[in-house]
């Protein structure tokens, strides 16, 4: 006899919209003055994260 199984795969995602990394999901050209200032102040826990945020700030200010 065929039994029908249901699979429920619930996924919850939490996005910290105040974290500077959330700005990296948007185009640098669309960032406002306050968002560019947040990138300038941002410092990550790891050197690679700091470099990425610094690069994003430079890209956003040059566009």
N, C-alpha and C. Protein backbone atom coordinates (compact mmCIF):
# COMPACT_ATOMS: atom_id res chain seq x y z
N UNK A 1 0.84 -1.18 0.00
CA UNK A 1 0.00 0.00 0.00
C UNK A 1 0.89 1.25 0.00
N UNK A 2 0.54 2.18 -0.81
CA UNK A 2 1.30 3.42 -0.94
C UNK A 2 0.90 4.39 0.18
N UNK A 3 1.88 4.85 0.91
CA UNK A 3 1.60 5.85 1.95
C UNK A 3 2.24 7.15 1.53
N UNK A 4 1.55 8.17 1.77
CA UNK A 4 2.03 9.49 1.38
C UNK A 4 2.70 10.16 2.58
N UNK A 5 3.93 10.56 2.37
CA UNK A 5 4.67 11.23 3.44
C UNK A 5 4.80 12.71 3.10
N UNK A 6 4.66 13.48 4.10
CA UNK A 6 4.86 14.92 3.91
C UNK A 6 6.19 15.30 4.53
N UNK A 7 6.89 16.11 3.83
CA UNK A 7 8.16 16.60 4.34
C UNK A 7 8.03 18.09 4.58
N UNK A 8 8.24 18.48 5.80
CA UNK A 8 8.20 19.89 6.15
C UNK A 8 9.61 20.34 6.49
N UNK A 9 10.13 21.18 5.69
CA UNK A 9 11.47 21.70 5.93
C UNK A 9 11.33 23.19 6.22
N UNK A 10 11.12 23.51 7.47
CA UNK A 10 10.99 24.90 7.86
C UNK A 10 12.37 25.51 8.05
N UNK A 11 12.55 26.67 7.48
CA UNK A 11 13.83 27.36 7.58
C UNK A 11 13.57 28.76 8.09
N UNK A 12 14.35 29.16 9.05
CA UNK A 12 14.26 30.51 9.58
C UNK A 12 15.57 31.22 9.32
N UNK A 13 15.48 32.39 8.75
CA UNK A 13 16.67 33.20 8.52
C UNK A 13 16.52 34.51 9.27
N UNK A 14 17.59 34.91 9.88
CA UNK A 14 17.60 36.17 10.61
C UNK A 14 18.64 37.06 9.96
N UNK A 15 18.23 38.25 9.59
CA UNK A 15 19.14 39.22 8.98
C UNK A 15 19.27 40.41 9.91
N UNK A 16 20.50 40.70 10.30
CA UNK A 16 20.77 41.87 11.11
C UNK A 16 20.94 43.05 10.17
N UNK A 17 19.90 43.82 9.99
CA UNK A 17 19.93 44.93 9.03
C UNK A 17 20.80 46.07 9.48
N UNK A 18 21.22 46.06 10.73
CA UNK A 18 22.10 47.11 11.23
C UNK A 18 23.57 46.72 11.15
N UNK A 19 23.84 45.50 10.75
CA UNK A 19 25.22 45.05 10.59
C UNK A 19 25.75 45.60 9.26
N UNK A 20 26.97 46.12 9.25
CA UNK A 20 27.50 46.69 8.00
C UNK A 20 27.54 45.68 6.85
N UNK A 21 27.68 44.42 7.17
CA UNK A 21 27.71 43.40 6.12
C UNK A 21 26.41 43.30 5.35
N UNK A 22 25.30 43.74 5.95
CA UNK A 22 24.03 43.70 5.24
C UNK A 22 24.02 44.68 4.07
N UNK A 23 24.85 45.70 4.14
CA UNK A 23 24.95 46.67 3.05
C UNK A 23 25.62 46.06 1.82
N UNK A 24 26.38 44.99 2.01
CA UNK A 24 27.09 44.39 0.90
C UNK A 24 26.15 43.65 -0.05
N UNK A 25 24.94 43.42 0.34
CA UNK A 25 23.96 42.75 -0.52
C UNK A 25 23.33 43.73 -1.50
N UNK A 26 23.60 44.99 -1.34
CA UNK A 26 23.02 46.02 -2.21
C UNK A 26 24.09 46.60 -3.12
N UNK A 27 23.66 47.27 -4.15
CA UNK A 27 24.59 47.93 -5.06
C UNK A 27 25.24 49.11 -4.33
N UNK A 28 26.56 49.27 -4.44
CA UNK A 28 27.22 50.40 -3.80
C UNK A 28 26.69 51.75 -4.28
N UNK A 29 26.22 51.81 -5.53
CA UNK A 29 25.70 53.07 -6.07
C UNK A 29 24.42 53.50 -5.37
N UNK A 30 23.69 52.56 -4.79
CA UNK A 30 22.42 52.87 -4.16
C UNK A 30 22.53 53.21 -2.68
N UNK A 31 23.73 53.22 -2.14
CA UNK A 31 23.90 53.51 -0.71
C UNK A 31 23.84 55.01 -0.46
N UNK A 32 23.16 55.37 0.60
CA UNK A 32 23.04 56.77 0.97
C UNK A 32 24.22 57.21 1.83
N UNK A 33 24.21 58.48 2.21
CA UNK A 33 25.31 59.03 3.01
C UNK A 33 25.45 58.32 4.35
N UNK A 34 24.34 58.05 5.02
CA UNK A 34 24.40 57.39 6.33
C UNK A 34 24.93 55.96 6.20
N UNK A 35 24.56 55.29 5.12
CA UNK A 35 25.03 53.92 4.93
C UNK A 35 26.51 53.89 4.58
N UNK A 36 26.97 54.85 3.78
CA UNK A 36 28.41 54.93 3.50
C UNK A 36 29.19 55.27 4.76
N UNK A 37 28.64 56.11 5.61
CA UNK A 37 29.30 56.44 6.87
C UNK A 37 29.37 55.21 7.78
N UNK A 38 28.33 54.38 7.76
CA UNK A 38 28.35 53.15 8.56
C UNK A 38 29.44 52.20 8.07
N UNK A 39 29.64 52.15 6.76
CA UNK A 39 30.72 51.32 6.23
C UNK A 39 32.08 51.87 6.65
N UNK A 40 32.22 53.18 6.68
CA UNK A 40 33.49 53.79 7.07
C UNK A 40 33.82 53.49 8.53
N UNK A 41 32.80 53.44 9.38
CA UNK A 41 33.01 53.17 10.81
C UNK A 41 33.14 51.68 11.12
N UNK A 42 32.73 50.85 10.19
CA UNK A 42 32.64 49.42 10.47
C UNK A 42 34.01 48.78 10.64
N UNK A 43 34.04 47.89 11.56
CA UNK A 43 35.22 47.06 11.77
C UNK A 43 34.76 45.65 12.04
N UNK A 44 35.30 44.72 11.35
CA UNK A 44 34.90 43.33 11.55
C UNK A 44 35.76 42.66 12.60
N UNK A 45 35.36 41.47 12.98
CA UNK A 45 36.11 40.70 13.95
C UNK A 45 37.35 40.07 13.34
N UNK A 46 37.35 39.95 12.03
CA UNK A 46 38.45 39.29 11.34
C UNK A 46 39.05 40.26 10.32
N UNK A 47 40.35 40.15 10.07
CA UNK A 47 40.98 41.07 9.10
C UNK A 47 40.35 41.01 7.72
N UNK A 48 39.95 39.84 7.25
CA UNK A 48 39.33 39.72 5.94
C UNK A 48 38.01 40.46 5.86
N UNK A 49 37.25 40.43 6.95
CA UNK A 49 35.97 41.14 6.99
C UNK A 49 36.21 42.65 6.98
N UNK A 50 37.19 43.10 7.75
CA UNK A 50 37.52 44.53 7.75
C UNK A 50 37.93 44.99 6.36
N UNK A 51 38.75 44.19 5.68
CA UNK A 51 39.18 44.55 4.33
C UNK A 51 38.01 44.61 3.36
N UNK A 52 37.08 43.67 3.48
CA UNK A 52 35.92 43.66 2.61
C UNK A 52 35.03 44.88 2.84
N UNK A 53 34.81 45.23 4.10
CA UNK A 53 34.00 46.41 4.40
C UNK A 53 34.70 47.69 3.94
N UNK A 54 36.00 47.74 4.09
CA UNK A 54 36.77 48.91 3.63
C UNK A 54 36.68 49.03 2.10
N UNK A 55 36.79 47.90 1.41
CA UNK A 55 36.68 47.92 -0.06
C UNK A 55 35.29 48.37 -0.49
N UNK A 56 34.25 47.90 0.20
CA UNK A 56 32.89 48.33 -0.12
C UNK A 56 32.74 49.82 0.08
N UNK A 57 33.33 50.37 1.13
CA UNK A 57 33.25 51.81 1.37
C UNK A 57 33.93 52.58 0.25
N UNK A 58 35.11 52.14 -0.16
CA UNK A 58 35.82 52.82 -1.24
C UNK A 58 35.00 52.77 -2.54
N UNK A 59 34.42 51.62 -2.84
CA UNK A 59 33.60 51.51 -4.05
C UNK A 59 32.39 52.41 -3.99
N UNK A 60 31.75 52.49 -2.83
CA UNK A 60 30.54 53.30 -2.70
C UNK A 60 30.84 54.79 -2.80
N UNK A 61 31.99 55.22 -2.32
CA UNK A 61 32.30 56.65 -2.36
C UNK A 61 32.79 57.08 -3.74
N UNK A 62 33.26 56.17 -4.54
CA UNK A 62 33.77 56.53 -5.86
C UNK A 62 32.71 56.49 -6.94
N UNK A 63 31.57 55.95 -6.64
CA UNK A 63 30.51 55.87 -7.66
C UNK A 63 29.70 57.14 -7.70
